[in-house]
């Protein structure tokens, strides 16, 4: 693996980074709580994987379209100010949705809220990713990215179980108000971060600035780091299967096909959070020995997990037996996804100049998301149509991912020896 920032010395985790982590904890708790509660509400109200997938896919469109602009903003504005404004607006959006839930069609309110949060996420995600290499250098960058992954995983571990208890006992309303508090707390924490202001922009018009900035990031990936672009396209292909089977299929299988409670789904999400923690810890512990070629085995392992999950619906295991199999196998998927994302993001950050960081990270974010709406829509329709035999959705998907992993092995091995 290429060392982040060449031979830059390691710096201890800074006060800025500590505040960023605390803010991310609060923000992620709010986001995961909202995602879980809305998923349960929509599935209970409609019982349809296609409707659930359609809402999720529609919510991703603003993120995909606006992420390049988010990268430009991250490189030209004070990143602390951007994060504070975006978390404040996120809290305000949830606040308005909570007030409107009883006044209009609830699915319309939920869809509008998801679209609004998606638009804000398009600006926040590249900004946060660009902040990390501004705060940390050297080996501390890998540790910092691993810490962010672990925070995400811990939030994913604790939040679903606690949210399932609150949602079951009190319904959607209290969950929305708690989410509002989380976003506003995040904004307050981020107010204390101190980052250097970017260099003043030139006097060019808005159109010229957009063309120049977007072309600079695209040129860097296309000409200077084409292997990174190929890696992103490969990840986008696999994310089509991930979005369909994990984001849409798993909750539908647990709640609708198996007919289990939101507490069962919450416990499963928490277990997947543990797996994600282990994945990021694995990267941190094995950082000096990991090689990019080993990502191919992660793809193959993900495919094998999906294949085995499909087979669980073709043998007489019973409801709880299938639930146990899904739990173990999707935890394996989560562990691999966490390890892959932590390693890949650090690799990209280490090869990207500071003045291009926001634009490149926004392109990373955009490319990784592009396949997800298609995957969600396709798999939502497939799981609805084959709800009585979901194994025939999972089995071919698993075999396809295994084939992708095997076919990409030579290319991934070449990333261990980048050409200058």
Protein backbone atom coordinates (compact mmCIF):
# COMPACT_ATOMS: atom_id res chain seq x y z
CA UNK A 1 0.00 0.00 0.00
CA UNK A 2 1.18 3.50 -0.80
CA UNK A 3 1.90 5.46 2.34
CA UNK A 4 -0.48 8.38 2.79
CA UNK A 5 1.26 11.65 1.84
CA UNK A 6 4.50 9.94 0.90
CA UNK A 7 6.99 10.15 3.76
CA UNK A 8 5.21 12.78 5.86
CA UNK A 9 5.73 12.22 9.56
CA UNK A 10 2.88 11.01 11.74
CA UNK A 11 1.02 13.47 13.90
CA UNK A 12 -1.03 12.61 16.96
CA UNK A 13 -4.80 12.77 16.66
CA UNK A 14 -5.52 16.49 17.09
CA UNK A 15 -8.12 18.47 19.03
CA UNK A 16 -9.81 19.29 15.71
CA UNK A 17 -10.04 15.62 14.84
CA UNK A 18 -11.43 14.78 18.30
CA UNK A 19 -14.17 17.37 17.83
CA UNK A 20 -14.85 16.01 14.35
CA UNK A 21 -15.20 12.49 15.75
CA UNK A 22 -17.56 13.64 18.52
CA UNK A 23 -19.66 15.48 15.97
CA UNK A 24 -19.71 12.42 13.73
CA UNK A 25 -20.90 10.26 16.63
CA UNK A 26 -23.87 12.56 17.22
CA UNK A 27 -24.61 12.94 13.51
CA UNK A 28 -24.38 9.21 12.80
CA UNK A 29 -26.65 8.36 15.71
CA UNK A 30 -29.20 10.77 14.27
CA UNK A 31 -28.80 9.46 10.73
CA UNK A 32 -28.91 5.78 11.65
CA UNK A 33 -31.86 6.30 13.98
CA UNK A 34 -33.77 8.11 11.26
CA UNK A 35 -32.89 5.52 8.62
CA UNK A 36 -33.98 2.63 10.83
CA UNK A 37 -37.25 4.21 11.95
CA UNK A 38 -38.26 5.31 8.45
CA UNK A 39 -37.40 1.87 7.04
CA UNK A 40 -39.62 0.18 9.59
CA UNK A 41 -42.43 2.69 9.08
CA UNK A 42 -42.46 2.38 5.28
CA UNK A 43 -42.28 -1.43 5.31
CA UNK A 44 -45.07 -1.63 7.89
CA UNK A 45 -47.24 0.85 5.98
CA UNK A 46 -46.80 -0.70 2.53
CA UNK A 47 -45.37 -4.22 2.94
CA UNK A 48 -43.65 -3.70 -0.41
CA UNK A 49 -39.96 -3.94 -1.15
CA UNK A 50 -40.52 -2.03 -4.40
CA UNK A 51 -42.03 1.02 -2.64
CA UNK A 52 -39.29 0.93 0.00
CA UNK A 53 -36.60 0.65 -2.69
CA UNK A 54 -38.22 3.38 -4.77
CA UNK A 55 -38.08 5.87 -1.90
CA UNK A 56 -34.44 5.02 -1.20
CA UNK A 57 -33.49 5.28 -4.87
CA UNK A 58 -35.26 8.63 -5.32
CA UNK A 59 -33.49 9.97 -2.24
CA UNK A 60 -30.10 9.18 -3.76
CA UNK A 61 -30.60 11.19 -6.95
CA UNK A 62 -29.82 14.62 -5.38
CA UNK A 63 -26.67 13.20 -3.78
CA UNK A 64 -25.42 11.87 -7.10
CA UNK A 65 -26.19 15.07 -9.01
CA UNK A 66 -24.89 17.52 -6.41
CA UNK A 67 -21.80 15.74 -5.06
CA UNK A 68 -19.42 17.33 -7.62
CA UNK A 69 -20.62 20.75 -6.46
CA UNK A 70 -20.05 19.61 -2.88
CA UNK A 71 -16.44 18.84 -3.73
CA UNK A 72 -15.92 22.29 -5.22
CA UNK A 73 -17.44 23.91 -2.11
CA UNK A 74 -15.17 21.79 0.12
CA UNK A 75 -12.09 23.11 -1.70
CA UNK A 76 -13.16 26.76 -1.87
CA UNK A 77 -15.00 27.45 1.42
CA UNK A 78 -14.08 27.03 5.07
CA UNK A 79 -14.87 23.37 5.70
CA UNK A 80 -15.83 23.99 9.34
CA UNK A 81 -18.42 26.58 8.29
CA UNK A 82 -19.82 24.23 5.63
CA UNK A 83 -20.24 21.37 8.12
CA UNK A 84 -21.92 23.57 10.73
CA UNK A 85 -24.39 24.97 8.19
CA UNK A 86 -25.22 21.55 6.73
CA UNK A 87 -25.88 19.88 10.09
CA UNK A 88 -27.99 22.83 11.19
CA UNK A 89 -30.04 22.58 8.00
CA UNK A 90 -30.39 18.80 8.48
CA UNK A 91 -31.81 19.35 11.96
CA UNK A 92 -34.20 21.97 10.61
CA UNK A 93 -35.38 19.62 7.83
CA UNK A 94 -36.19 16.84 10.30
CA UNK A 95 -37.88 19.35 12.60
CA UNK A 96 -40.20 20.51 9.81
CA UNK A 97 -40.93 16.90 8.81
CA UNK A 98 -41.82 15.97 12.39
CA UNK A 99 -44.24 18.90 12.54
CA UNK A 100 -45.79 17.97 9.16
CA UNK A 101 -46.27 14.23 9.77
CA UNK A 102 -49.86 14.60 10.96
CA UNK A 103 -50.82 17.33 8.50
CA UNK A 104 -50.33 15.62 5.14
CA UNK A 105 -49.70 12.29 3.34
CA UNK A 106 -47.05 10.69 5.50
CA UNK A 107 -45.22 8.87 2.70
CA UNK A 108 -44.96 12.17 0.82
CA UNK A 109 -43.49 13.85 3.91
CA UNK A 110 -41.00 11.00 4.35
CA UNK A 111 -39.99 11.10 0.68
CA UNK A 112 -39.50 14.87 0.79
CA UNK A 113 -37.40 14.58 3.95
CA UNK A 114 -35.20 11.88 2.40
CA UNK A 115 -34.63 13.99 -0.73
CA UNK A 116 -33.74 17.07 1.36
CA UNK A 117 -31.27 15.12 3.51
CA UNK A 118 -29.80 13.55 0.37
CA UNK A 119 -29.13 16.99 -1.11
CA UNK A 120 -27.39 18.09 2.10
CA UNK A 121 -25.36 14.86 2.24
CA UNK A 122 -24.01 15.63 -1.23
CA UNK A 123 -22.17 18.60 0.27
CA UNK A 124 -21.35 17.16 3.69
CA UNK A 125 -19.75 13.83 2.79
CA UNK A 126 -16.93 15.21 0.56
CA UNK A 127 -16.35 18.01 3.07
CA UNK A 128 -15.87 15.61 6.00
CA UNK A 129 -13.64 13.33 3.91
CA UNK A 130 -11.53 16.32 2.82
CA UNK A 131 -11.18 17.51 6.44
CA UNK A 132 -9.43 14.36 7.63
CA UNK A 133 -6.21 14.72 5.58
CA UNK A 134 -6.22 18.44 6.46
CA UNK A 135 -6.11 17.48 10.15
CA UNK A 136 -3.86 14.39 9.96
CA UNK A 137 -0.81 13.27 7.99
CA UNK A 138 1.45 10.24 7.69
CA UNK A 139 0.45 7.07 9.52
CA UNK A 140 -2.06 9.08 11.55
CA UNK A 141 -4.19 9.41 8.40
CA UNK A 142 -4.79 5.66 8.23
CA UNK A 143 -5.51 5.56 11.97
CA UNK A 144 -7.87 8.51 11.56
CA UNK A 145 -9.80 6.84 8.73
CA UNK A 146 -9.96 3.63 10.76
CA UNK A 147 -11.29 5.65 13.73
CA UNK A 148 -14.01 7.19 11.53
CA UNK A 149 -14.98 3.72 10.28
CA UNK A 150 -15.09 2.41 13.84
CA UNK A 151 -17.30 5.31 14.94
CA UNK A 152 -19.66 4.55 12.06
CA UNK A 153 -19.68 0.90 13.04
CA UNK A 154 -20.29 1.57 16.75
CA UNK A 155 -23.20 3.86 15.84
CA UNK A 156 -24.52 1.11 13.60
CA UNK A 157 -24.13 -1.36 16.46
CA UNK A 158 -25.90 0.58 19.21
CA UNK A 159 -28.47 2.64 17.34
CA UNK A 160 -30.70 0.00 15.67
CA UNK A 161 -31.33 -1.95 18.88
CA UNK A 162 -32.10 1.14 20.96
CA UNK A 163 -34.16 2.66 18.17
CA UNK A 164 -36.19 -0.54 17.80
CA UNK A 165 -37.15 -0.32 21.49
CA UNK A 166 -38.14 3.36 21.24
CA UNK A 167 -39.92 2.89 17.91
CA UNK A 168 -41.87 -0.14 19.15
CA UNK A 169 -42.90 1.59 22.37
CA UNK A 170 -43.59 5.15 21.18
CA UNK A 171 -43.74 5.20 17.38
CA UNK A 172 -42.04 7.45 14.84
CA UNK A 173 -42.60 10.87 16.46
CA UNK A 174 -40.12 10.66 19.38
CA UNK A 175 -37.48 9.21 17.05
CA UNK A 176 -37.77 12.27 14.79
CA UNK A 177 -37.43 14.71 17.71
CA UNK A 178 -34.37 12.84 18.99
CA UNK A 179 -32.81 13.05 15.54
CA UNK A 180 -33.31 16.82 15.52
CA UNK A 181 -31.37 17.07 18.81
CA UNK A 182 -28.52 14.98 17.38
CA UNK A 183 -28.06 17.20 14.32
CA UNK A 184 -28.11 20.42 16.34
CA UNK A 185 -25.60 18.98 18.83
CA UNK A 186 -23.31 18.07 15.93
CA UNK A 187 -23.44 21.65 14.63
CA UNK A 188 -22.49 22.98 18.09
CA UNK A 189 -19.48 20.65 18.33
CA UNK A 190 -18.30 21.58 14.84
CA UNK A 191 -18.41 25.28 15.76
CA UNK A 192 -15.33 24.64 17.94
CA UNK A 193 -13.23 23.19 15.09
CA UNK A 194 -10.52 25.49 13.76
CA UNK A 195 -9.34 24.98 10.17
CA UNK A 196 -7.25 27.18 7.89
CA UNK A 197 -9.28 29.13 5.37
CA UNK A 198 -8.75 28.26 1.69
CA UNK A 199 -6.95 30.61 -0.65
CA UNK A 200 -9.22 33.32 -2.07
CA UNK A 201 -10.85 32.37 -5.34
CA UNK A 202 -10.06 34.30 -8.50
CA UNK A 203 -12.41 36.73 -10.17
CA UNK A 204 -13.79 34.30 -12.77
CA UNK A 205 -17.52 33.86 -13.16
CA UNK A 206 -19.48 31.02 -11.59
CA UNK A 207 -19.73 29.06 -14.85
CA UNK A 208 -16.00 29.31 -15.51
CA UNK A 209 -15.19 28.27 -11.95
CA UNK A 210 -17.45 25.21 -12.19
CA UNK A 211 -15.93 24.12 -15.49
CA UNK A 212 -12.38 24.64 -14.24
CA UNK A 213 -12.90 22.84 -10.93
CA UNK A 214 -14.79 19.88 -12.35
CA UNK A 215 -12.31 19.41 -15.18
CA UNK A 216 -9.36 19.56 -12.74
CA UNK A 217 -10.67 16.67 -10.65
CA UNK A 218 -11.70 14.62 -13.69
CA UNK A 219 -8.33 15.24 -15.38
CA UNK A 220 -6.48 14.10 -12.26
CA UNK A 221 -8.37 10.79 -12.16
CA UNK A 222 -8.33 10.21 -15.91
CA UNK A 223 -4.70 11.11 -16.66
CA UNK A 224 -2.67 11.06 -13.46
CA UNK A 225 -4.43 8.29 -11.50
CA UNK A 226 -6.41 6.18 -14.02
CA UNK A 227 -6.06 3.09 -11.83
CA UNK A 228 -7.99 4.85 -9.07
CA UNK A 229 -10.76 5.60 -11.56
CA UNK A 230 -10.86 1.93 -12.60
CA UNK A 231 -11.02 0.92 -8.94
CA UNK A 232 -13.98 3.26 -8.44
CA UNK A 233 -15.81 1.81 -11.43
CA UNK A 234 -15.22 -1.70 -10.13
CA UNK A 235 -16.55 -0.70 -6.71
CA UNK A 236 -19.61 0.88 -8.36
CA UNK A 237 -20.37 -2.38 -10.15
CA UNK A 238 -20.21 -4.34 -6.92
CA UNK A 239 -22.23 -1.66 -5.08
CA UNK A 240 -25.14 -2.41 -7.42
CA UNK A 241 -25.37 -5.82 -5.77
CA UNK A 242 -24.67 -4.44 -2.28
CA UNK A 243 -27.42 -1.82 -2.51
CA UNK A 244 -29.94 -4.37 -3.72
CA UNK A 245 -29.20 -7.27 -1.43
CA UNK A 246 -28.07 -5.56 1.79
CA UNK A 247 -29.84 -2.19 1.84
CA UNK A 248 -33.15 -3.43 0.37
CA UNK A 249 -33.09 -7.22 0.59
CA UNK A 250 -31.99 -7.71 4.19
CA UNK A 251 -34.73 -5.64 5.90
CA UNK A 252 -37.34 -7.04 3.51
CA UNK A 253 -36.25 -10.63 4.18
CA UNK A 254 -36.30 -10.19 7.96
CA UNK A 255 -39.48 -8.15 8.31
CA UNK A 256 -41.68 -9.29 5.40
CA UNK A 257 -40.50 -12.71 4.20
CA UNK A 258 -39.66 -14.16 7.62
CA UNK A 259 -42.30 -12.04 9.38
CA UNK A 260 -40.08 -11.16 12.36
CA UNK A 261 -40.37 -8.08 14.57
CA UNK A 262 -38.52 -4.79 14.39
CA UNK A 263 -36.59 -5.95 17.49
CA UNK A 264 -35.21 -8.90 15.48
CA UNK A 265 -34.16 -6.56 12.70
CA UNK A 266 -32.64 -4.12 15.20
CA UNK A 267 -30.62 -6.93 16.80
CA UNK A 268 -29.41 -8.02 13.37
CA UNK A 269 -28.36 -4.47 12.46
CA UNK A 270 -26.46 -4.22 15.75
CA UNK A 271 -24.65 -7.48 15.02
CA UNK A 272 -23.69 -6.11 11.61
CA UNK A 273 -22.32 -3.07 13.44
CA UNK A 274 -20.00 -5.38 15.40
CA UNK A 275 -18.84 -6.91 12.12
CA UNK A 276 -18.13 -3.44 10.71
CA UNK A 277 -16.04 -2.58 13.79
CA UNK A 278 -14.03 -5.76 13.31
CA UNK A 279 -13.48 -4.90 9.64
CA UNK A 280 -12.02 -1.45 10.39
CA UNK A 281 -9.98 -2.84 13.29
CA UNK A 282 -8.58 -5.49 10.97
CA UNK A 283 -7.34 -2.79 8.59
CA UNK A 284 -5.74 -0.83 11.44
CA UNK A 285 -3.99 -3.90 12.88
CA UNK A 286 -2.81 -5.28 9.53
CA UNK A 287 -2.09 -1.92 7.86
CA UNK A 288 1.57 -2.71 7.16
CA UNK A 289 0.80 -6.10 5.65
CA UNK A 290 -2.33 -5.41 3.61
CA UNK A 291 -2.04 -5.27 -0.17
CA UNK A 292 -4.54 -4.01 -2.72
CA UNK A 293 -4.63 -7.38 -4.48
CA UNK A 294 -6.32 -8.82 -1.39
CA UNK A 295 -9.43 -6.75 -2.19
CA UNK A 296 -10.29 -9.40 -4.78
CA UNK A 297 -10.73 -11.93 -1.97
CA UNK A 298 -13.12 -9.52 -0.24
CA UNK A 299 -15.28 -9.45 -3.39
CA UNK A 300 -15.22 -13.24 -3.64
CA UNK A 301 -16.06 -13.60 0.05
CA UNK A 302 -19.01 -11.24 -0.34
CA UNK A 303 -20.27 -13.31 -3.24
CA UNK A 304 -19.94 -16.55 -1.29
CA UNK A 305 -21.94 -15.06 1.57
CA UNK A 306 -24.77 -14.09 -0.79
CA UNK A 307 -24.70 -17.53 -2.41
CA UNK A 308 -24.96 -19.25 0.98
CA UNK A 309 -27.77 -16.88 2.03
CA UNK A 310 -29.70 -17.87 -1.07
CA UNK A 311 -29.14 -21.55 -0.35
CA UNK A 312 -30.63 -21.05 3.14
CA UNK A 313 -34.03 -20.45 1.51
CA UNK A 314 -33.81 -23.66 -0.53
CA UNK A 315 -33.45 -26.04 2.41
CA UNK A 316 -35.92 -26.66 5.29
CA UNK A 317 -34.33 -24.58 8.06
CA UNK A 318 -37.39 -22.89 9.53
CA UNK A 319 -37.84 -19.20 10.28
CA UNK A 320 -35.29 -18.86 13.07
CA UNK A 321 -32.77 -21.07 11.28
CA UNK A 322 -32.93 -18.85 8.22
CA UNK A 323 -32.75 -15.75 10.39
CA UNK A 324 -29.59 -17.09 12.02
CA UNK A 325 -28.01 -17.87 8.65
CA UNK A 326 -28.86 -14.43 7.29
CA UNK A 327 -27.43 -12.83 10.41
CA UNK A 328 -24.07 -14.62 10.14
CA UNK A 329 -23.72 -14.24 6.37
CA UNK A 330 -24.69 -10.58 6.15
CA UNK A 331 -22.33 -9.85 9.04
CA UNK A 332 -19.60 -11.35 6.87
CA UNK A 333 -20.63 -8.99 4.07
CA UNK A 334 -20.48 -6.03 6.45
CA UNK A 335 -17.01 -6.94 7.72
CA UNK A 336 -15.66 -7.10 4.18
CA UNK A 337 -17.32 -3.83 3.12
CA UNK A 338 -15.88 -2.01 6.14
CA UNK A 339 -12.35 -3.29 5.51
CA UNK A 340 -12.54 -2.47 1.79
CA UNK A 341 -13.85 1.09 2.25
CA UNK A 342 -11.30 2.00 4.95
CA UNK A 343 -8.37 0.74 2.89
CA UNK A 344 -9.55 2.20 -0.42
CA UNK A 345 -10.36 5.68 0.94
CA UNK A 346 -6.94 5.93 2.62
CA UNK A 347 -5.26 4.84 -0.62
CA UNK A 348 -7.09 7.52 -2.60
CA UNK A 349 -6.45 10.26 -0.04
CA UNK A 350 -2.74 9.39 0.04
CA UNK A 351 -2.46 9.83 -3.74
CA UNK A 352 -4.46 13.07 -3.97
CA UNK A 353 -2.98 16.59 -3.59
CA UNK A 354 -4.54 18.80 -0.91
CA UNK A 355 -5.94 21.36 -3.37
CA UNK A 356 -7.87 18.61 -5.20
CA UNK A 357 -9.00 16.66 -2.13
CA UNK A 358 -12.60 17.90 -1.97
CA UNK A 359 -13.22 17.46 -5.71
CA UNK A 360 -11.67 13.98 -5.85
CA UNK A 361 -13.51 12.78 -2.74
CA UNK A 362 -16.80 14.08 -4.16
CA UNK A 363 -16.13 12.10 -7.35
CA UNK A 364 -15.34 9.03 -5.26
CA UNK A 365 -18.62 9.54 -3.43
CA UNK A 366 -20.55 10.11 -6.66
CA UNK A 367 -19.17 7.10 -8.51
CA UNK A 368 -19.79 4.83 -5.53
CA UNK A 369 -23.42 5.97 -5.39
CA UNK A 370 -24.27 5.91 -9.08
CA UNK A 371 -25.11 2.22 -9.23
CA UNK A 372 -27.08 2.15 -6.00
CA UNK A 373 -30.44 3.53 -7.21
CA UNK A 374 -30.44 1.04 -10.09
CA UNK A 375 -29.60 -1.79 -7.71
CA UNK A 376 -32.31 -0.77 -5.27
CA UNK A 377 -35.00 -0.52 -7.93
CA UNK A 378 -34.05 -3.80 -9.63
CA UNK A 379 -33.80 -5.76 -6.41
CA UNK A 380 -36.93 -4.18 -4.94
CA UNK A 381 -38.89 -5.48 -7.93
CA UNK A 382 -37.15 -8.88 -7.81
CA UNK A 383 -37.78 -9.43 -4.11
CA UNK A 384 -41.43 -8.43 -4.54
CA UNK A 385 -41.90 -10.80 -7.47
CA UNK A 386 -39.98 -13.68 -5.87
CA UNK A 387 -40.95 -13.08 -2.24
CA UNK A 388 -41.88 -16.76 -1.84
CA UNK A 389 -38.53 -17.96 -3.21
CA UNK A 390 -35.95 -15.23 -2.47
CA UNK A 391 -33.14 -17.73 -2.73
CA UNK A 392 -33.34 -17.42 -6.51
CA UNK A 393 -32.56 -13.71 -6.16
CA UNK A 394 -29.59 -14.18 -3.84
CA UNK A 395 -27.97 -17.21 -5.50
CA UNK A 396 -27.34 -15.70 -8.97
CA UNK A 397 -26.25 -12.43 -7.35
CA UNK A 398 -23.66 -14.19 -5.22
CA UNK A 399 -22.26 -16.11 -8.19
CA UNK A 400 -22.02 -12.88 -10.22
CA UNK A 401 -20.08 -11.09 -7.45
CA UNK A 402 -17.71 -14.07 -7.15
CA UNK A 403 -17.05 -13.85 -10.89
CA UNK A 404 -16.37 -10.10 -10.64
CA UNK A 405 -13.90 -10.66 -7.80
CA UNK A 406 -12.04 -13.39 -9.68
CA UNK A 407 -11.90 -11.35 -12.90
CA UNK A 408 -10.54 -8.28 -11.08
CA UNK A 409 -7.69 -10.08 -9.28
CA UNK A 410 -4.98 -9.19 -11.81
CA UNK A 411 -5.98 -5.51 -11.97
CA UNK A 412 -6.06 -5.17 -8.17
CA UNK A 413 -2.63 -6.80 -7.92
CA UNK A 414 -1.27 -4.14 -10.31
CA UNK A 415 -2.26 -1.38 -7.85
CA UNK A 416 0.41 -2.62 -5.45
CA UNK A 417 3.04 -1.39 -7.95
CA UNK A 418 1.75 1.99 -9.20
CA UNK A 419 3.50 3.55 -12.15
CA UNK A 420 4.78 7.10 -11.67
